[in-house]
Amino acid sequence: MAELKTKETRASVKAFLDRVENPQVRADCYAIAALMESVTKGKPKMWLGRCTTSKSCLYIKRLSDIHVPTLKKLKAAARKA
């Protein structure tokens, strides 16, 4: 099996999010992190590696642009798949 290019790091998620300059984007990031934690029951972790896109990615500019309850349902459904 090939070695994963993206690996978990010990970097602080909070420190990373605190460096987001735009206050609204930072607040959205914290809200999404909390949502993901509530659905997965796992603590956020930082990962390195090259980022790629695929048909399964969801890009959100602002949390206010989406219906958060639906996002929770999508995440829960993806976790079951």
C-alpha atoms as a PDB file:
ATOM      1  CA  MET A   1       0.000   0.000   0.000  1.00  0.00           C
ATOM      2  CA  ALA A   2       1.294   3.473  -0.848  1.00  0.00           C
ATOM      3  CA  GLU A   3       2.224   5.800   1.986  1.00  0.00           C
ATOM      4  CA  LEU A   4      -0.210   8.636   2.652  1.00  0.00           C
ATOM      5  CA  LYS A   5       1.060  12.058   1.548  1.00  0.00           C
ATOM      6  CA  THR A   6      -1.077  13.850   4.115  1.00  0.00           C
ATOM      7  CA  LYS A   7      -0.200  13.145   7.728  1.00  0.00           C
ATOM      8  CA  GLU A   8      -1.555  14.267  11.046  1.00  0.00           C
ATOM      9  CA  THR A   9       0.580  16.844  12.845  1.00  0.00           C
ATOM     10  CA  ARG A  10       0.768  18.107  16.412  1.00  0.00           C
ATOM     11  CA  ALA A  11       0.019  21.683  15.308  1.00  0.00           C
ATOM     12  CA  SER A  12      -2.701  23.450  17.265  1.00  0.00           C
ATOM     13  CA  VAL A  13      -6.058  23.814  15.512  1.00  0.00           C
ATOM     14  CA  LYS A  14      -6.903  26.760  17.782  1.00  0.00           C
ATOM     15  CA  ALA A  15      -3.642  28.538  16.956  1.00  0.00           C
ATOM     16  CA  PHE A  16      -4.282  28.005  13.247  1.00  0.00           C
ATOM     17  CA  LEU A  17      -7.840  29.339  13.448  1.00  0.00           C
ATOM     18  CA  ASP A  18      -6.767  32.273  15.618  1.00  0.00           C
ATOM     19  CA  ARG A  19      -4.473  33.400  12.767  1.00  0.00           C
ATOM     20  CA  VAL A  20      -7.379  33.802  10.337  1.00  0.00           C
ATOM     21  CA  GLU A  21      -7.421  37.575   9.806  1.00  0.00           C
ATOM     22  CA  ASN A  22     -11.036  38.170   8.820  1.00  0.00           C
ATOM     23  CA  PRO A  23     -13.166  38.024  11.999  1.00  0.00           C
ATOM     24  CA  GLN A  24     -16.258  36.680  10.191  1.00  0.00           C
ATOM     25  CA  VAL A  25     -14.270  33.953   8.441  1.00  0.00           C
ATOM     26  CA  ARG A  26     -12.572  33.076  11.749  1.00  0.00           C
ATOM     27  CA  ALA A  27     -15.978  32.831  13.489  1.00  0.00           C
ATOM     28  CA  ASP A  28     -17.274  30.644  10.637  1.00  0.00           C
ATOM     29  CA  CYS A  29     -14.224  28.375  10.933  1.00  0.00           C
ATOM     30  CA  TYR A  30     -14.796  27.916  14.649  1.00  0.00           C
ATOM     31  CA  ALA A  31     -18.481  27.199  14.042  1.00  0.00           C
ATOM     32  CA  ILE A  32     -17.681  24.589  11.391  1.00  0.00           C
ATOM     33  CA  ALA A  33     -15.027  23.004  13.617  1.00  0.00           C
ATOM     34  CA  ALA A  34     -17.581  22.762  16.446  1.00  0.00           C
ATOM     35  CA  LEU A  35     -20.184  21.304  14.091  1.00  0.00           C
ATOM     36  CA  MET A  36     -17.750  18.690  12.800  1.00  0.00           C
ATOM     37  CA  GLU A  37     -16.715  17.804  16.359  1.00  0.00           C
ATOM     38  CA  SER A  38     -20.340  17.335  17.415  1.00  0.00           C
ATOM     39  CA  VAL A  39     -21.058  15.052  14.460  1.00  0.00           C
ATOM     40  CA  THR A  40     -17.858  13.000  14.517  1.00  0.00           C
ATOM     41  CA  LYS A  41     -17.413  12.982  18.319  1.00  0.00           C
ATOM     42  CA  GLY A  42     -13.706  13.565  17.675  1.00  0.00           C
ATOM     43  CA  LYS A  43     -11.402  16.486  18.420  1.00  0.00           C
ATOM     44  CA  PRO A  44     -10.172  18.593  15.465  1.00  0.00           C
ATOM     45  CA  LYS A  45      -6.701  17.755  14.175  1.00  0.00           C
ATOM     46  CA  MET A  46      -4.257  19.453  11.856  1.00  0.00           C
ATOM     47  CA  TRP A  47      -2.953  17.652   8.727  1.00  0.00           C
ATOM     48  CA  LEU A  48      -0.172  18.566   6.224  1.00  0.00           C
ATOM     49  CA  GLY A  49       0.191  17.636   2.617  1.00  0.00           C
ATOM     50  CA  ARG A  50      -0.912  18.800  -0.773  1.00  0.00           C
ATOM     51  CA  CYS A  51      -4.526  19.703  -1.173  1.00  0.00           C
ATOM     52  CA  THR A  52      -6.533  18.390  -4.056  1.00  0.00           C
ATOM     53  CA  THR A  53     -10.104  18.836  -5.069  1.00  0.00           C
ATOM     54  CA  SER A  54     -12.649  16.280  -6.073  1.00  0.00           C
ATOM     55  CA  LYS A  55     -16.341  16.018  -6.774  1.00  0.00           C
ATOM     56  CA  SER A  56     -16.958  15.294  -3.088  1.00  0.00           C
ATOM     57  CA  CYS A  57     -15.591  18.616  -1.792  1.00  0.00           C
ATOM     58  CA  LEU A  58     -17.863  21.315  -0.455  1.00  0.00           C
ATOM     59  CA  TYR A  59     -16.586  24.873  -0.660  1.00  0.00           C
ATOM     60  CA  ILE A  60     -18.202  27.419   1.642  1.00  0.00           C
ATOM     61  CA  LYS A  61     -17.295  31.114   1.554  1.00  0.00           C
ATOM     62  CA  ARG A  62     -19.443  32.137   4.511  1.00  0.00           C
ATOM     63  CA  LEU A  63     -21.340  30.056   7.010  1.00  0.00           C
ATOM     64  CA  SER A  64     -24.237  32.486   6.603  1.00  0.00           C
ATOM     65  CA  ASP A  65     -24.522  31.350   2.959  1.00  0.00           C
ATOM     66  CA  ILE A  66     -25.679  27.876   3.917  1.00  0.00           C
ATOM     67  CA  HIS A  67     -28.378  26.187   5.984  1.00  0.00           C
ATOM     68  CA  VAL A  68     -26.410  24.767   8.926  1.00  0.00           C
ATOM     69  CA  PRO A  69     -28.945  22.045   9.860  1.00  0.00           C
ATOM     70  CA  THR A  70     -28.647  20.696   6.325  1.00  0.00           C
ATOM     71  CA  LEU A  71     -24.838  20.755   6.583  1.00  0.00           C
ATOM     72  CA  LYS A  72     -25.134  18.681   9.762  1.00  0.00           C
ATOM     73  CA  LYS A  73     -27.338  16.172   7.932  1.00  0.00           C
ATOM     74  CA  LEU A  74     -24.866  15.972   5.043  1.00  0.00           C
ATOM     75  CA  LYS A  75     -21.954  15.343   7.399  1.00  0.00           C
ATOM     76  CA  ALA A  76     -23.882  12.685   9.304  1.00  0.00           C
ATOM     77  CA  ALA A  77     -24.863  10.955   6.063  1.00  0.00           C
ATOM     78  CA  ALA A  78     -21.276  11.059   4.790  1.00  0.00           C
ATOM     79  CA  ARG A  79     -20.058   9.509   8.033  1.00  0.00           C
ATOM     80  CA  LYS A  80     -22.427   6.557   7.557  1.00  0.00           C
ATOM     81  CA  ALA A  81     -21.328   5.984   3.943  1.00  0.00           C
END
